[in-house]
């Protein structure tokens, strides 16, 4: 089975930076779109950024100009560089990937999430 493992979360002061990473492992024939989502307490999960296999990116308005998504296809890994962090960025961040795990199918796979806390 395909598994996504996230790392890089933690506690940071407002204005600081964090770099999240998410590595996919298992039987992988290819990965289409990868992305990051976040969910704050009492809120719905929301899109932060996505990146296609062709390196086209899409960002939430709140992330534009501050966050950068990237990927390393050789390592089956997606990254999220977060700069100029604000307290409102505090949330659990989830990695998502559309993984081709067989010769016939793609499946959407989620990581377990990593906590990001930004203090004032």
PDB file of N, CA and C in Angstrom:
ATOM      1  N   UNK A   1       0.833  -1.180   0.000  1.00  0.00           N
ATOM      2  CA  UNK A   1       0.000   0.000   0.000  1.00  0.00           C
ATOM      3  C   UNK A   1       0.879   1.245   0.000  1.00  0.00           C
ATOM      4  N   UNK A   2       0.377   2.307  -0.599  1.00  0.00           N
ATOM      5  CA  UNK A   2       1.081   3.572  -0.639  1.00  0.00           C
ATOM      6  C   UNK A   2       0.871   4.312   0.673  1.00  0.00           C
ATOM      7  N   UNK A   3       1.943   4.896   1.183  1.00  0.00           N
ATOM      8  CA  UNK A   3       1.881   5.667   2.417  1.00  0.00           C
ATOM      9  C   UNK A   3       2.562   7.011   2.221  1.00  0.00           C
ATOM     10  N   UNK A   4       1.963   8.072   2.775  1.00  0.00           N
ATOM     11  CA  UNK A   4       2.552   9.399   2.767  1.00  0.00           C
ATOM     12  C   UNK A   4       2.989   9.743   4.179  1.00  0.00           C
ATOM     13  N   UNK A   5       4.237  10.163   4.330  1.00  0.00           N
ATOM     14  CA  UNK A   5       4.784  10.512   5.628  1.00  0.00           C
ATOM     15  C   UNK A   5       5.219  11.966   5.612  1.00  0.00           C
ATOM     16  N   UNK A   6       4.631  12.773   6.497  1.00  0.00           N
ATOM     17  CA  UNK A   6       4.905  14.198   6.574  1.00  0.00           C
ATOM     18  C   UNK A   6       5.895  14.499   7.689  1.00  0.00           C
ATOM     19  N   UNK A   7       6.648  15.575   7.509  1.00  0.00           N
ATOM     20  CA  UNK A   7       7.571  16.030   8.532  1.00  0.00           C
ATOM     21  C   UNK A   7       7.805  17.525   8.370  1.00  0.00           C
ATOM     22  N   UNK A   8       8.372  18.148   9.390  1.00  0.00           N
ATOM     23  CA  UNK A   8       8.750  19.546   9.314  1.00  0.00           C
ATOM     24  C   UNK A   8       7.872  20.506  10.091  1.00  0.00           C
ATOM     25  N   UNK A   9       6.775  20.027  10.631  1.00  0.00           N
ATOM     26  CA  UNK A   9       5.917  20.894  11.418  1.00  0.00           C
ATOM     27  C   UNK A   9       6.545  21.228  12.760  1.00  0.00           C
ATOM     28  N   UNK A  10       5.938  22.186  13.452  1.00  0.00           N
ATOM     29  CA  UNK A  10       6.445  22.572  14.747  1.00  0.00           C
ATOM     30  C   UNK A  10       5.937  23.925  15.173  1.00  0.00           C
ATOM     31  N   UNK A  11       6.586  24.477  16.176  1.00  0.00           N
ATOM     32  CA  UNK A  11       6.239  25.785  16.732  1.00  0.00           C
ATOM     33  C   UNK A  11       7.211  26.829  16.217  1.00  0.00           C
ATOM     34  N   UNK A  12       6.672  27.935  15.731  1.00  0.00           N
ATOM     35  CA  UNK A  12       7.502  29.007  15.195  1.00  0.00           C
ATOM     36  C   UNK A  12       6.869  30.351  15.534  1.00  0.00           C
ATOM     37  N   UNK A  13       7.698  31.373  15.659  1.00  0.00           N
ATOM     38  CA  UNK A  13       7.201  32.712  15.916  1.00  0.00           C
ATOM     39  C   UNK A  13       6.652  33.349  14.651  1.00  0.00           C
ATOM     40  N   UNK A  14       5.721  34.275  14.823  1.00  0.00           N
ATOM     41  CA  UNK A  14       5.201  35.021  13.688  1.00  0.00           C
ATOM     42  C   UNK A  14       6.344  35.668  12.916  1.00  0.00           C
ATOM     43  N   UNK A  15       6.270  35.572  11.590  1.00  0.00           N
ATOM     44  CA  UNK A  15       7.323  36.083  10.734  1.00  0.00           C
ATOM     45  C   UNK A  15       8.389  35.062  10.396  1.00  0.00           C
ATOM     46  N   UNK A  16       8.368  33.931  11.069  1.00  0.00           N
ATOM     47  CA  UNK A  16       9.353  32.890  10.836  1.00  0.00           C
ATOM     48  C   UNK A  16       8.988  31.994   9.671  1.00  0.00           C
ATOM     49  N   UNK A  17       9.783  30.937   9.500  1.00  0.00           N
ATOM     50  CA  UNK A  17       9.624  30.038   8.368  1.00  0.00           C
ATOM     51  C   UNK A  17       9.648  28.582   8.809  1.00  0.00           C
ATOM     52  N   UNK A  18       8.974  27.748   8.038  1.00  0.00           N
ATOM     53  CA  UNK A  18       9.022  26.306   8.187  1.00  0.00           C
ATOM     54  C   UNK A  18       9.024  25.677   6.809  1.00  0.00           C
ATOM     55  N   UNK A  19       9.622  24.506   6.707  1.00  0.00           N
ATOM     56  CA  UNK A  19       9.618  23.745   5.469  1.00  0.00           C
ATOM     57  C   UNK A  19       9.038  22.368   5.751  1.00  0.00           C
ATOM     58  N   UNK A  20       7.886  22.091   5.174  1.00  0.00           N
ATOM     59  CA  UNK A  20       7.244  20.801   5.316  1.00  0.00           C
ATOM     60  C   UNK A  20       7.656  19.886   4.172  1.00  0.00           C
ATOM     61  N   UNK A  21       7.751  18.610   4.461  1.00  0.00           N
ATOM     62  CA  UNK A  21       8.022  17.634   3.426  1.00  0.00           C
ATOM     63  C   UNK A  21       7.069  16.458   3.566  1.00  0.00           C
ATOM     64  N   UNK A  22       6.830  15.791   2.461  1.00  0.00           N
ATOM     65  CA  UNK A  22       5.936  14.641   2.429  1.00  0.00           C
ATOM     66  C   UNK A  22       6.484  13.653   1.417  1.00  0.00           C
ATOM     67  N   UNK A  23       6.850  12.479   1.883  1.00  0.00           N
ATOM     68  CA  UNK A  23       7.426  11.454   1.031  1.00  0.00           C
ATOM     69  C   UNK A  23       6.463  10.286   0.868  1.00  0.00           C
ATOM     70  N   UNK A  24       6.260   9.879  -0.359  1.00  0.00           N
ATOM     71  CA  UNK A  24       5.415   8.734  -0.661  1.00  0.00           C
ATOM     72  C   UNK A  24       6.266   7.479  -0.788  1.00  0.00           C
ATOM     73  N   UNK A  25       5.788   6.398  -0.226  1.00  0.00           N
ATOM     74  CA  UNK A  25       6.490   5.125  -0.320  1.00  0.00           C
ATOM     75  C   UNK A  25       5.508   4.012  -0.658  1.00  0.00           C
ATOM     76  N   UNK A  26       6.041   2.907  -1.134  1.00  0.00           N
ATOM     77  CA  UNK A  26       5.228   1.786  -1.537  1.00  0.00           C
ATOM     78  C   UNK A  26       5.412   1.497  -3.013  1.00  0.00           C
ATOM     79  N   UNK A  27       4.456   0.778  -3.568  1.00  0.00           N
ATOM     80  CA  UNK A  27       4.497   0.476  -4.996  1.00  0.00           C
ATOM     81  C   UNK A  27       3.917   1.664  -5.747  1.00  0.00           C
ATOM     82  N   UNK A  28       4.774   2.407  -6.418  1.00  0.00           N
ATOM     83  CA  UNK A  28       4.381   3.647  -7.075  1.00  0.00           C
ATOM     84  C   UNK A  28       4.839   3.623  -8.520  1.00  0.00           C
ATOM     85  N   UNK A  29       3.883   3.715  -9.406  1.00  0.00           N
ATOM     86  CA  UNK A  29       4.180   3.802 -10.831  1.00  0.00           C
ATOM     87  C   UNK A  29       4.290   5.244 -11.293  1.00  0.00           C
ATOM     88  N   UNK A  30       3.660   6.147 -10.560  1.00  0.00           N
ATOM     89  CA  UNK A  30       3.713   7.552 -10.884  1.00  0.00           C
ATOM     90  C   UNK A  30       2.792   8.339  -9.973  1.00  0.00           C
ATOM     91  N   UNK A  31       3.017   9.645  -9.903  1.00  0.00           N
ATOM     92  CA  UNK A  31       2.191  10.530  -9.096  1.00  0.00           C
ATOM     93  C   UNK A  31       1.783  11.724  -9.935  1.00  0.00           C
ATOM     94  N   UNK A  32       0.484  11.961 -10.002  1.00  0.00           N
ATOM     95  CA  UNK A  32      -0.008  13.120 -10.733  1.00  0.00           C
ATOM     96  C   UNK A  32       0.076  14.352  -9.820  1.00  0.00           C
ATOM     97  N   UNK A  33      -1.052  14.918  -9.463  1.00  0.00           N
ATOM     98  CA  UNK A  33      -1.045  16.119  -8.636  1.00  0.00           C
ATOM     99  C   UNK A  33      -0.731  15.788  -7.177  1.00  0.00           C
ATOM    100  N   UNK A  34       0.082  16.633  -6.550  1.00  0.00           N
ATOM    101  CA  UNK A  34       0.352  16.562  -5.126  1.00  0.00           C
ATOM    102  C   UNK A  34      -0.044  17.906  -4.514  1.00  0.00           C
ATOM    103  N   UNK A  35      -0.398  17.885  -3.240  1.00  0.00           N
ATOM    104  CA  UNK A  35      -0.825  19.131  -2.646  1.00  0.00           C
ATOM    105  C   UNK A  35      -0.770  19.139  -1.136  1.00  0.00           C
ATOM    106  N   UNK A  36      -0.960  20.332  -0.595  1.00  0.00           N
ATOM    107  CA  UNK A  36      -1.037  20.543   0.838  1.00  0.00           C
ATOM    108  C   UNK A  36      -2.365  21.177   1.194  1.00  0.00           C
ATOM    109  N   UNK A  37      -2.966  20.691   2.256  1.00  0.00           N
ATOM    110  CA  UNK A  37      -4.218  21.201   2.791  1.00  0.00           C
ATOM    111  C   UNK A  37      -4.029  21.438   4.279  1.00  0.00           C
ATOM    112  N   UNK A  38      -4.882  22.253   4.870  1.00  0.00           N
ATOM    113  CA  UNK A  38      -4.768  22.492   6.295  1.00  0.00           C
ATOM    114  C   UNK A  38      -6.146  22.577   6.939  1.00  0.00           C
ATOM    115  N   UNK A  39      -6.176  22.294   8.228  1.00  0.00           N
ATOM    116  CA  UNK A  39      -7.415  22.316   8.975  1.00  0.00           C
ATOM    117  C   UNK A  39      -7.147  22.859  10.372  1.00  0.00           C
ATOM    118  N   UNK A  40      -7.775  23.975  10.684  1.00  0.00           N
ATOM    119  CA  UNK A  40      -7.691  24.566  12.007  1.00  0.00           C
ATOM    120  C   UNK A  40      -8.817  24.013  12.878  1.00  0.00           C
ATOM    121  N   UNK A  41      -8.675  24.074  14.200  1.00  0.00           N
ATOM    122  CA  UNK A  41      -9.725  23.562  15.087  1.00  0.00           C
ATOM    123  C   UNK A  41     -11.078  24.190  14.796  1.00  0.00           C
ATOM    124  N   UNK A  42     -12.094  23.358  14.646  1.00  0.00           N
ATOM    125  CA  UNK A  42     -13.435  23.832  14.376  1.00  0.00           C
ATOM    126  C   UNK A  42     -13.686  24.289  12.957  1.00  0.00           C
ATOM    127  N   UNK A  43     -12.704  24.136  12.077  1.00  0.00           N
ATOM    128  CA  UNK A  43     -12.832  24.584  10.697  1.00  0.00           C
ATOM    129  C   UNK A  43     -12.772  23.402   9.739  1.00  0.00           C
ATOM    130  N   UNK A  44     -13.229  23.632   8.508  1.00  0.00           N
ATOM    131  CA  UNK A  44     -13.136  22.612   7.472  1.00  0.00           C
ATOM    132  C   UNK A  44     -11.726  22.592   6.900  1.00  0.00           C
ATOM    133  N   UNK A  45     -11.377  21.477   6.285  1.00  0.00           N
ATOM    134  CA  UNK A  45     -10.089  21.381   5.630  1.00  0.00           C
ATOM    135  C   UNK A  45     -10.091  22.230   4.365  1.00  0.00           C
ATOM    136  N   UNK A  46      -9.014  22.973   4.147  1.00  0.00           N
ATOM    137  CA  UNK A  46      -8.946  23.870   3.008  1.00  0.00           C
ATOM    138  C   UNK A  46      -7.661  23.667   2.219  1.00  0.00           C
ATOM    139  N   UNK A  47      -7.744  23.980   0.951  1.00  0.00           N
ATOM    140  CA  UNK A  47      -6.588  23.903   0.063  1.00  0.00           C
ATOM    141  C   UNK A  47      -5.562  24.971   0.419  1.00  0.00           C
ATOM    142  N   UNK A  48      -4.299  24.589   0.429  1.00  0.00           N
ATOM    143  CA  UNK A  48      -3.205  25.538   0.580  1.00  0.00           C
ATOM    144  C   UNK A  48      -2.486  25.715  -0.750  1.00  0.00           C
ATOM    145  N   UNK A  49      -2.032  24.613  -1.334  1.00  0.00           N
ATOM    146  CA  UNK A  49      -1.302  24.673  -2.598  1.00  0.00           C
ATOM    147  C   UNK A  49      -1.290  23.307  -3.254  1.00  0.00           C
ATOM    148  N   UNK A  50      -1.233  23.294  -4.580  1.00  0.00           N
ATOM    149  CA  UNK A  50      -1.086  22.052  -5.332  1.00  0.00           C
ATOM    150  C   UNK A  50      -0.018  22.225  -6.400  1.00  0.00           C
ATOM    151  N   UNK A  51       0.516  21.097  -6.850  1.00  0.00           N
ATOM    152  CA  UNK A  51       1.491  21.101  -7.927  1.00  0.00           C
ATOM    153  C   UNK A  51       1.273  19.856  -8.774  1.00  0.00           C
ATOM    154  N   UNK A  52       1.216  20.039 -10.087  1.00  0.00           N
ATOM    155  CA  UNK A  52       0.980  18.928 -10.990  1.00  0.00           C
ATOM    156  C   UNK A  52       2.284  18.231 -11.342  1.00  0.00           C
ATOM    157  N   UNK A  53       2.162  17.119 -12.053  1.00  0.00           N
ATOM    158  CA  UNK A  53       3.347  16.402 -12.506  1.00  0.00           C
ATOM    159  C   UNK A  53       4.171  17.228 -13.482  1.00  0.00           C
ATOM    160  N   UNK A  54       3.536  18.202 -14.124  1.00  0.00           N
ATOM    161  CA  UNK A  54       4.221  19.120 -15.017  1.00  0.00           C
ATOM    162  C   UNK A  54       4.694  20.384 -14.336  1.00  0.00           C
ATOM    163  N   UNK A  55       4.618  20.426 -13.010  1.00  0.00           N
ATOM    164  CA  UNK A  55       5.128  21.511 -12.172  1.00  0.00           C
ATOM    165  C   UNK A  55       4.297  22.782 -12.243  1.00  0.00           C
ATOM    166  N   UNK A  56       3.061  22.672 -12.703  1.00  0.00           N
ATOM    167  CA  UNK A  56       2.143  23.794 -12.624  1.00  0.00           C
ATOM    168  C   UNK A  56       1.619  23.908 -11.192  1.00  0.00           C
ATOM    169  N   UNK A  57       1.585  25.123 -10.649  1.00  0.00           N
ATOM    170  CA  UNK A  57       1.207  25.318  -9.250  1.00  0.00           C
ATOM    171  C   UNK A  57      -0.067  26.126  -9.109  1.00  0.00           C
ATOM    172  N   UNK A  58      -0.727  25.923  -7.984  1.00  0.00           N
ATOM    173  CA  UNK A  58      -1.929  26.656  -7.639  1.00  0.00           C
ATOM    174  C   UNK A  58      -1.898  26.925  -6.141  1.00  0.00           C
ATOM    175  N   UNK A  59      -2.238  28.164  -5.741  1.00  0.00           N
ATOM    176  CA  UNK A  59      -2.182  28.552  -4.341  1.00  0.00           C
ATOM    177  C   UNK A  59      -3.483  29.171  -3.883  1.00  0.00           C
ATOM    178  N   UNK A  60      -3.819  28.937  -2.626  1.00  0.00           N
ATOM    179  CA  UNK A  60      -4.878  29.691  -1.994  1.00  0.00           C
ATOM    180  C   UNK A  60      -4.449  31.150  -1.897  1.00  0.00           C
ATOM    181  N   UNK A  61      -5.422  32.056  -1.918  1.00  0.00           N
ATOM    182  CA  UNK A  61      -5.092  33.473  -1.838  1.00  0.00           C
ATOM    183  C   UNK A  61      -4.271  33.795  -0.590  1.00  0.00           C
ATOM    184  N   UNK A  62      -4.568  33.130   0.506  1.00  0.00           N
ATOM    185  CA  UNK A  62      -3.866  33.385   1.750  1.00  0.00           C
ATOM    186  C   UNK A  62      -2.405  32.944   1.711  1.00  0.00           C
ATOM    187  N   UNK A  63      -2.063  32.067   0.768  1.00  0.00           N
ATOM    188  CA  UNK A  63      -0.712  31.533   0.678  1.00  0.00           C
ATOM    189  C   UNK A  63       0.144  32.228  -0.375  1.00  0.00           C
ATOM    190  N   UNK A  64      -0.482  32.895  -1.311  1.00  0.00           N
ATOM    191  CA  UNK A  64       0.246  33.520  -2.410  1.00  0.00           C
ATOM    192  C   UNK A  64       1.254  34.540  -1.894  1.00  0.00           C
ATOM    193  N   UNK A  65       2.461  34.450  -2.425  1.00  0.00           N
ATOM    194  CA  UNK A  65       3.511  35.382  -2.041  1.00  0.00           C
ATOM    195  C   UNK A  65       4.269  34.992  -0.795  1.00  0.00           C
ATOM    196  N   UNK A  66       3.768  34.025  -0.044  1.00  0.00           N
ATOM    197  CA  UNK A  66       4.427  33.600   1.189  1.00  0.00           C
ATOM    198  C   UNK A  66       4.865  32.140   1.152  1.00  0.00           C
ATOM    199  N   UNK A  67       4.071  31.292   0.510  1.00  0.00           N
ATOM    200  CA  UNK A  67       4.346  29.862   0.474  1.00  0.00           C
ATOM    201  C   UNK A  67       4.790  29.442  -0.923  1.00  0.00           C
ATOM    202  N   UNK A  68       5.632  28.422  -0.975  1.00  0.00           N
ATOM    203  CA  UNK A  68       6.082  27.863  -2.242  1.00  0.00           C
ATOM    204  C   UNK A  68       5.995  26.343  -2.179  1.00  0.00           C
ATOM    205  N   UNK A  69       5.283  25.755  -3.126  1.00  0.00           N
ATOM    206  CA  UNK A  69       5.195  24.309  -3.210  1.00  0.00           C
ATOM    207  C   UNK A  69       6.159  23.819  -4.290  1.00  0.00           C
ATOM    208  N   UNK A  70       6.799  22.694  -4.042  1.00  0.00           N
ATOM    209  CA  UNK A  70       7.720  22.109  -5.007  1.00  0.00           C
ATOM    210  C   UNK A  70       7.684  20.594  -4.864  1.00  0.00           C
ATOM    211  N   UNK A  71       8.299  19.909  -5.822  1.00  0.00           N
ATOM    212  CA  UNK A  71       8.315  18.448  -5.753  1.00  0.00           C
ATOM    213  C   UNK A  71       9.589  17.901  -6.358  1.00  0.00           C
ATOM    214  N   UNK A  72       9.951  16.718  -5.910  1.00  0.00           N
ATOM    215  CA  UNK A  72      11.091  15.983  -6.430  1.00  0.00           C
ATOM    216  C   UNK A  72      10.552  14.627  -6.860  1.00  0.00           C
ATOM    217  N   UNK A  73      10.352  14.457  -8.144  1.00  0.00           N
ATOM    218  CA  UNK A  73       9.738  13.230  -8.641  1.00  0.00           C
ATOM    219  C   UNK A  73      10.618  11.999  -8.411  1.00  0.00           C
ATOM    220  N   UNK A  74      11.927  12.179  -8.448  1.00  0.00           N
ATOM    221  CA  UNK A  74      12.833  11.058  -8.214  1.00  0.00           C
ATOM    222  C   UNK A  74      12.696  10.517  -6.800  1.00  0.00           C
ATOM    223  N   UNK A  75      12.328  11.386  -5.862  1.00  0.00           N
ATOM    224  CA  UNK A  75      12.168  10.991  -4.465  1.00  0.00           C
ATOM    225  C   UNK A  75      10.709  10.813  -4.065  1.00  0.00           C
ATOM    226  N   UNK A  76       9.782  11.027  -4.996  1.00  0.00           N
ATOM    227  CA  UNK A  76       8.347  10.954  -4.703  1.00  0.00           C
ATOM    228  C   UNK A  76       7.992  11.823  -3.494  1.00  0.00           C
ATOM    229  N   UNK A  77       8.504  13.039  -3.504  1.00  0.00           N
ATOM    230  CA  UNK A  77       8.375  13.926  -2.359  1.00  0.00           C
ATOM    231  C   UNK A  77       7.852  15.292  -2.785  1.00  0.00           C
ATOM    232  N   UNK A  78       6.977  15.864  -1.971  1.00  0.00           N
ATOM    233  CA  UNK A  78       6.482  17.214  -2.175  1.00  0.00           C
ATOM    234  C   UNK A  78       6.854  18.050  -0.957  1.00  0.00           C
ATOM    235  N   UNK A  79       7.150  19.330  -1.191  1.00  0.00           N
ATOM    236  CA  UNK A  79       7.580  20.235  -0.138  1.00  0.00           C
ATOM    237  C   UNK A  79       6.667  21.450  -0.094  1.00  0.00           C
ATOM    238  N   UNK A  80       6.613  22.066   1.070  1.00  0.00           N
ATOM    239  CA  UNK A  80       5.933  23.341   1.219  1.00  0.00           C
ATOM    240  C   UNK A  80       6.824  24.256   2.044  1.00  0.00           C
ATOM    241  N   UNK A  81       7.413  25.249   1.388  1.00  0.00           N
ATOM    242  CA  UNK A  81       8.203  26.255   2.070  1.00  0.00           C
ATOM    243  C   UNK A  81       7.272  27.366   2.512  1.00  0.00           C
ATOM    244  N   UNK A  82       7.211  27.624   3.807  1.00  0.00           N
ATOM    245  CA  UNK A  82       6.309  28.614   4.366  1.00  0.00           C
ATOM    246  C   UNK A  82       7.133  29.731   5.002  1.00  0.00           C
ATOM    247  N   UNK A  83       7.004  30.923   4.458  1.00  0.00           N
ATOM    248  CA  UNK A  83       7.703  32.092   4.966  1.00  0.00           C
ATOM    249  C   UNK A  83       6.700  33.112   5.488  1.00  0.00           C
ATOM    250  N   UNK A  84       7.194  34.054   6.271  1.00  0.00           N
ATOM    251  CA  UNK A  84       6.355  35.124   6.825  1.00  0.00           C
ATOM    252  C   UNK A  84       5.101  34.563   7.476  1.00  0.00           C
ATOM    253  N   UNK A  85       5.285  33.567   8.304  1.00  0.00           N
ATOM    254  CA  UNK A  85       4.150  32.884   8.915  1.00  0.00           C
ATOM    255  C   UNK A  85       3.374  33.805   9.860  1.00  0.00           C
ATOM    256  N   UNK A  86       2.075  33.596   9.880  1.00  0.00           N
ATOM    257  CA  UNK A  86       1.155  34.369  10.703  1.00  0.00           C
ATOM    258  C   UNK A  86       0.433  33.442  11.671  1.00  0.00           C
ATOM    259  N   UNK A  87      -0.049  33.966  12.796  1.00  0.00           N
ATOM    260  CA  UNK A  87      -0.806  33.121  13.725  1.00  0.00           C
ATOM    261  C   UNK A  87      -1.990  32.416  13.066  1.00  0.00           C
ATOM    262  N   UNK A  88      -2.617  33.047  12.084  1.00  0.00           N
ATOM    263  CA  UNK A  88      -3.745  32.429  11.408  1.00  0.00           C
ATOM    264  C   UNK A  88      -3.346  31.258  10.511  1.00  0.00           C
ATOM    265  N   UNK A  89      -2.043  31.025  10.336  1.00  0.00           N
ATOM    266  CA  UNK A  89      -1.577  29.843   9.627  1.00  0.00           C
ATOM    267  C   UNK A  89      -1.579  28.601  10.511  1.00  0.00           C
ATOM    268  N   UNK A  90      -1.815  28.777  11.794  1.00  0.00           N
ATOM    269  CA  UNK A  90      -1.826  27.656  12.718  1.00  0.00           C
ATOM    270  C   UNK A  90      -2.900  26.647  12.324  1.00  0.00           C
ATOM    271  N   UNK A  91      -2.495  25.405  12.131  1.00  0.00           N
ATOM    272  CA  UNK A  91      -3.405  24.350  11.691  1.00  0.00           C
ATOM    273  C   UNK A  91      -2.639  23.038  11.611  1.00  0.00           C
ATOM    274  N   UNK A  92      -3.384  21.966  11.401  1.00  0.00           N
ATOM    275  CA  UNK A  92      -2.776  20.706  11.017  1.00  0.00           C
ATOM    276  C   UNK A  92      -2.680  20.699   9.496  1.00  0.00           C
ATOM    277  N   UNK A  93      -1.494  20.446   8.982  1.00  0.00           N
ATOM    278  CA  UNK A  93      -1.258  20.440   7.544  1.00  0.00           C
ATOM    279  C   UNK A  93      -1.198  19.011   7.038  1.00  0.00           C
ATOM    280  N   UNK A  94      -1.969  18.739   5.986  1.00  0.00           N
ATOM    281  CA  UNK A  94      -2.076  17.405   5.421  1.00  0.00           C
ATOM    282  C   UNK A  94      -1.525  17.370   4.004  1.00  0.00           C
ATOM    283  N   UNK A  95      -0.783  16.335   3.717  1.00  0.00           N
ATOM    284  CA  UNK A  95      -0.272  16.086   2.382  1.00  0.00           C
ATOM    285  C   UNK A  95      -1.258  15.208   1.615  1.00  0.00           C
ATOM    286  N   UNK A  96      -1.412  15.480   0.334  1.00  0.00           N
ATOM    287  CA  UNK A  96      -2.256  14.663  -0.530  1.00  0.00           C
ATOM    288  C   UNK A  96      -1.522  14.381  -1.829  1.00  0.00           C
ATOM    289  N   UNK A  97      -1.731  13.178  -2.363  1.00  0.00           N
ATOM    290  CA  UNK A  97      -1.128  12.819  -3.637  1.00  0.00           C
ATOM    291  C   UNK A  97      -2.051  11.904  -4.409  1.00  0.00           C
ATOM    292  N   UNK A  98      -2.141  12.139  -5.708  1.00  0.00           N
ATOM    293  CA  UNK A  98      -2.876  11.251  -6.597  1.00  0.00           C
ATOM    294  C   UNK A  98      -1.865  10.266  -7.168  1.00  0.00           C
ATOM    295  N   UNK A  99      -1.866   9.059  -6.603  1.00  0.00           N
ATOM    296  CA  UNK A  99      -0.812   8.079  -6.853  1.00  0.00           C
ATOM    297  C   UNK A  99      -1.290   6.969  -7.772  1.00  0.00           C
ATOM    298  N   UNK A 100      -0.478   6.678  -8.783  1.00  0.00           N
ATOM    299  CA  UNK A 100      -0.712   5.505  -9.618  1.00  0.00           C
ATOM    300  C   UNK A 100      -0.006   4.331  -8.949  1.00  0.00           C
ATOM    301  N   UNK A 101      -0.784   3.506  -8.259  1.00  0.00           N
ATOM    302  CA  UNK A 101      -0.229   2.405  -7.481  1.00  0.00           C
ATOM    303  C   UNK A 101      -0.337   1.054  -8.179  1.00  0.00           C
ATOM    304  N   UNK A 102      -1.048   0.998  -9.286  1.00  0.00           N
ATOM    305  CA  UNK A 102      -1.112  -0.191 -10.126  1.00  0.00           C
ATOM    306  C   UNK A 102      -0.966   0.239 -11.578  1.00  0.00           C
ATOM    307  N   UNK A 103      -0.938  -0.724 -12.464  1.00  0.00           N
ATOM    308  CA  UNK A 103      -0.883  -0.409 -13.888  1.00  0.00           C
ATOM    309  C   UNK A 103      -2.175   0.221 -14.383  1.00  0.00           C
ATOM    310  N   UNK A 104      -3.256   0.112 -13.611  1.00  0.00           N
ATOM    311  CA  UNK A 104      -4.575   0.506 -14.091  1.00  0.00           C
ATOM    312  C   UNK A 104      -5.204   1.695 -13.381  1.00  0.00           C
ATOM    313  N   UNK A 105      -4.780   2.016 -12.164  1.00  0.00           N
ATOM    314  CA  UNK A 105      -5.532   2.974 -11.370  1.00  0.00           C
ATOM    315  C   UNK A 105      -4.678   4.045 -10.708  1.00  0.00           C
ATOM    316  N   UNK A 106      -5.306   5.207 -10.491  1.00  0.00           N
ATOM    317  CA  UNK A 106      -4.801   6.255  -9.627  1.00  0.00           C
ATOM    318  C   UNK A 106      -5.728   6.348  -8.418  1.00  0.00           C
ATOM    319  N   UNK A 107      -5.164   6.650  -7.270  1.00  0.00           N
ATOM    320  CA  UNK A 107      -5.946   6.824  -6.058  1.00  0.00           C
ATOM    321  C   UNK A 107      -5.447   8.025  -5.268  1.00  0.00           C
ATOM    322  N   UNK A 108      -6.388   8.760  -4.696  1.00  0.00           N
ATOM    323  CA  UNK A 108      -6.047   9.877  -3.830  1.00  0.00           C
ATOM    324  C   UNK A 108      -5.631   9.347  -2.463  1.00  0.00           C
ATOM    325  N   UNK A 109      -4.451   9.756  -2.006  1.00  0.00           N
ATOM    326  CA  UNK A 109      -3.892   9.276  -0.750  1.00  0.00           C
ATOM    327  C   UNK A 109      -3.555  10.450   0.156  1.00  0.00           C
ATOM    328  N   UNK A 110      -3.848  10.312   1.441  1.00  0.00           N
ATOM    329  CA  UNK A 110      -3.607  11.361   2.431  1.00  0.00           C
ATOM    330  C   UNK A 110      -2.574  10.939   3.460  1.00  0.00           C
ATOM    331  N   UNK A 111      -1.788  11.909   3.906  1.00  0.00           N
ATOM    332  CA  UNK A 111      -0.909  11.693   5.040  1.00  0.00           C
ATOM    333  C   UNK A 111      -1.659  11.862   6.341  1.00  0.00           C
ATOM    334  N   UNK A 112      -0.972  11.642   7.456  1.00  0.00           N
ATOM    335  CA  UNK A 112      -1.588  11.722   8.771  1.00  0.00           C
ATOM    336  C   UNK A 112      -1.688  13.146   9.297  1.00  0.00           C
ATOM    337  N   UNK A 113      -0.948  14.064   8.730  1.00  0.00           N
ATOM    338  CA  UNK A 113      -0.970  15.452   9.147  1.00  0.00           C
ATOM    339  C   UNK A 113       0.189  15.806  10.056  1.00  0.00           C
ATOM    340  N   UNK A 114       0.594  17.063  10.005  1.00  0.00           N
ATOM    341  CA  UNK A 114       1.641  17.570  10.878  1.00  0.00           C
ATOM    342  C   UNK A 114       1.205  18.934  11.420  1.00  0.00           C
ATOM    343  N   UNK A 115       1.402  19.138  12.712  1.00  0.00           N
ATOM    344  CA  UNK A 115       0.934  20.351  13.371  1.00  0.00           C
ATOM    345  C   UNK A 115       1.887  21.513  13.118  1.00  0.00           C
ATOM    346  N   UNK A 116       1.323  22.643  12.721  1.00  0.00           N
ATOM    347  CA  UNK A 116       2.059  23.894  12.599  1.00  0.00           C
ATOM    348  C   UNK A 116       1.414  24.905  13.537  1.00  0.00           C
ATOM    349  N   UNK A 117       2.209  25.449  14.441  1.00  0.00           N
ATOM    350  CA  UNK A 117       1.712  26.439  15.390  1.00  0.00           C
ATOM    351  C   UNK A 117       2.560  27.698  15.280  1.00  0.00           C
ATOM    352  N   UNK A 118       1.907  28.823  15.045  1.00  0.00           N
ATOM    353  CA  UNK A 118       2.592  30.102  14.894  1.00  0.00           C
ATOM    354  C   UNK A 118       2.186  31.009  16.043  1.00  0.00           C
ATOM    355  N   UNK A 119       3.145  31.409  16.843  1.00  0.00           N
ATOM    356  CA  UNK A 119       2.880  32.256  17.995  1.00  0.00           C
ATOM    357  C   UNK A 119       3.050  33.728  17.642  1.00  0.00           C
ATOM    358  N   UNK A 120       2.366  34.591  18.394  1.00  0.00           N
ATOM    359  CA  UNK A 120       2.432  36.027  18.161  1.00  0.00           C
ATOM    360  C   UNK A 120       3.740  36.610  18.660  1.00  0.00           C
TER     361      UNK A 120
END
